[in-house]
Amino acid sequence: MKLSARNMLKGTVVDVVKGATTAHVRLDIGGATITASITNEAVDELGLKAGQKAAAVIKSSDVIIAVD
């Protein structure tokens, strides 16, 4: 995977809380937690679940979750 973003924080998904249209994904990055708000559709497409390895990709004010 190649991205133009320079900041990628690898970690483990702590939990995924779905709402009506968006979900909050909490990622443990080694003692700190990052929360990203992404669509429910993205959660389903990525198959995000607690315990899964993932990364927070940060560019400007957006946080994007990426998985290999």
C-alpha atoms as a PDB file:
ATOM      1  CA  MET A   1       0.000   0.000   0.000  1.00  0.00           C
ATOM      2  CA  LYS A   2       1.353   3.425  -0.955  1.00  0.00           C
ATOM      3  CA  LEU A   3      -0.064   6.629   0.503  1.00  0.00           C
ATOM      4  CA  SER A   4       0.831  10.300   0.230  1.00  0.00           C
ATOM      5  CA  ALA A   5       0.250  10.746   3.984  1.00  0.00           C
ATOM      6  CA  ARG A   6       3.418  10.784   6.091  1.00  0.00           C
ATOM      7  CA  ASN A   7       1.938   9.930   9.472  1.00  0.00           C
ATOM      8  CA  MET A   8       0.929   6.314  10.001  1.00  0.00           C
ATOM      9  CA  LEU A   9       0.447   5.033  13.550  1.00  0.00           C
ATOM     10  CA  LYS A  10       0.196   1.236  13.730  1.00  0.00           C
ATOM     11  CA  GLY A  11      -1.833  -0.375  16.471  1.00  0.00           C
ATOM     12  CA  THR A  12      -4.698  -2.646  17.430  1.00  0.00           C
ATOM     13  CA  VAL A  13      -8.423  -1.983  17.170  1.00  0.00           C
ATOM     14  CA  VAL A  14      -9.851  -1.653  20.703  1.00  0.00           C
ATOM     15  CA  ASP A  15     -13.488  -1.397  19.668  1.00  0.00           C
ATOM     16  CA  VAL A  16     -15.860  -0.350  16.899  1.00  0.00           C
ATOM     17  CA  VAL A  17     -19.105   1.420  17.821  1.00  0.00           C
ATOM     18  CA  LYS A  18     -21.525   1.826  14.926  1.00  0.00           C
ATOM     19  CA  GLY A  19     -24.097   4.599  14.845  1.00  0.00           C
ATOM     20  CA  ALA A  20     -26.834   5.333  12.304  1.00  0.00           C
ATOM     21  CA  THR A  21     -24.384   6.112   9.489  1.00  0.00           C
ATOM     22  CA  THR A  22     -20.913   6.456  11.006  1.00  0.00           C
ATOM     23  CA  ALA A  23     -18.796   4.438  13.399  1.00  0.00           C
ATOM     24  CA  HIS A  24     -16.167   5.351  15.976  1.00  0.00           C
ATOM     25  CA  VAL A  25     -13.094   3.146  15.740  1.00  0.00           C
ATOM     26  CA  ARG A  26     -10.705   3.231  18.709  1.00  0.00           C
ATOM     27  CA  LEU A  27      -7.129   2.193  18.014  1.00  0.00           C
ATOM     28  CA  ASP A  28      -4.518   1.460  20.706  1.00  0.00           C
ATOM     29  CA  ILE A  29      -1.159   2.660  19.408  1.00  0.00           C
ATOM     30  CA  GLY A  30       0.960   1.490  22.328  1.00  0.00           C
ATOM     31  CA  GLY A  31      -0.421   3.174  25.407  1.00  0.00           C
ATOM     32  CA  ALA A  32      -2.354   5.932  23.664  1.00  0.00           C
ATOM     33  CA  THR A  33      -5.733   5.651  21.962  1.00  0.00           C
ATOM     34  CA  ILE A  34      -6.769   7.306  18.703  1.00  0.00           C
ATOM     35  CA  THR A  35     -10.434   7.489  17.699  1.00  0.00           C
ATOM     36  CA  ALA A  36     -11.485   7.798  14.072  1.00  0.00           C
ATOM     37  CA  SER A  37     -14.984   8.514  12.799  1.00  0.00           C
ATOM     38  CA  ILE A  38     -15.587   6.584   9.567  1.00  0.00           C
ATOM     39  CA  THR A  39     -18.650   5.333   7.707  1.00  0.00           C
ATOM     40  CA  ASN A  40     -20.331   2.076   8.668  1.00  0.00           C
ATOM     41  CA  GLU A  41     -19.770   0.997   5.068  1.00  0.00           C
ATOM     42  CA  ALA A  42     -15.999   1.472   5.474  1.00  0.00           C
ATOM     43  CA  VAL A  43     -16.054  -0.588   8.688  1.00  0.00           C
ATOM     44  CA  ASP A  44     -17.803  -3.408   6.843  1.00  0.00           C
ATOM     45  CA  GLU A  45     -15.520  -3.220   3.779  1.00  0.00           C
ATOM     46  CA  LEU A  46     -12.384  -3.307   5.966  1.00  0.00           C
ATOM     47  CA  GLY A  47     -13.828  -5.986   8.235  1.00  0.00           C
ATOM     48  CA  LEU A  48     -12.804  -3.978  11.300  1.00  0.00           C
ATOM     49  CA  LYS A  49     -13.183  -5.701  14.660  1.00  0.00           C
ATOM     50  CA  ALA A  50     -11.602  -5.590  18.107  1.00  0.00           C
ATOM     51  CA  GLY A  51      -8.169  -7.220  18.271  1.00  0.00           C
ATOM     52  CA  GLN A  52      -7.363  -6.623  14.603  1.00  0.00           C
ATOM     53  CA  LYS A  53      -4.103  -4.933  13.608  1.00  0.00           C
ATOM     54  CA  ALA A  54      -4.692  -1.633  11.797  1.00  0.00           C
ATOM     55  CA  ALA A  55      -3.128   1.789  11.351  1.00  0.00           C
ATOM     56  CA  ALA A  56      -4.311   5.364  11.779  1.00  0.00           C
ATOM     57  CA  VAL A  57      -3.243   7.359   8.737  1.00  0.00           C
ATOM     58  CA  ILE A  58      -3.171  11.078   9.462  1.00  0.00           C
ATOM     59  CA  LYS A  59      -3.184  13.769   6.792  1.00  0.00           C
ATOM     60  CA  SER A  60      -4.254  17.304   7.686  1.00  0.00           C
ATOM     61  CA  SER A  61      -7.304  17.089   9.925  1.00  0.00           C
ATOM     62  CA  ASP A  62      -8.458  13.666   8.687  1.00  0.00           C
ATOM     63  CA  VAL A  63      -7.757  10.302  10.283  1.00  0.00           C
ATOM     64  CA  ILE A  64      -8.083   7.299   7.993  1.00  0.00           C
ATOM     65  CA  ILE A  65      -7.940   3.648   9.113  1.00  0.00           C
ATOM     66  CA  ALA A  66      -5.882   1.305   6.900  1.00  0.00           C
ATOM     67  CA  VAL A  67      -5.407  -2.451   7.048  1.00  0.00           C
ATOM     68  CA  ASP A  68      -3.169  -4.810   5.108  1.00  0.00           C
END
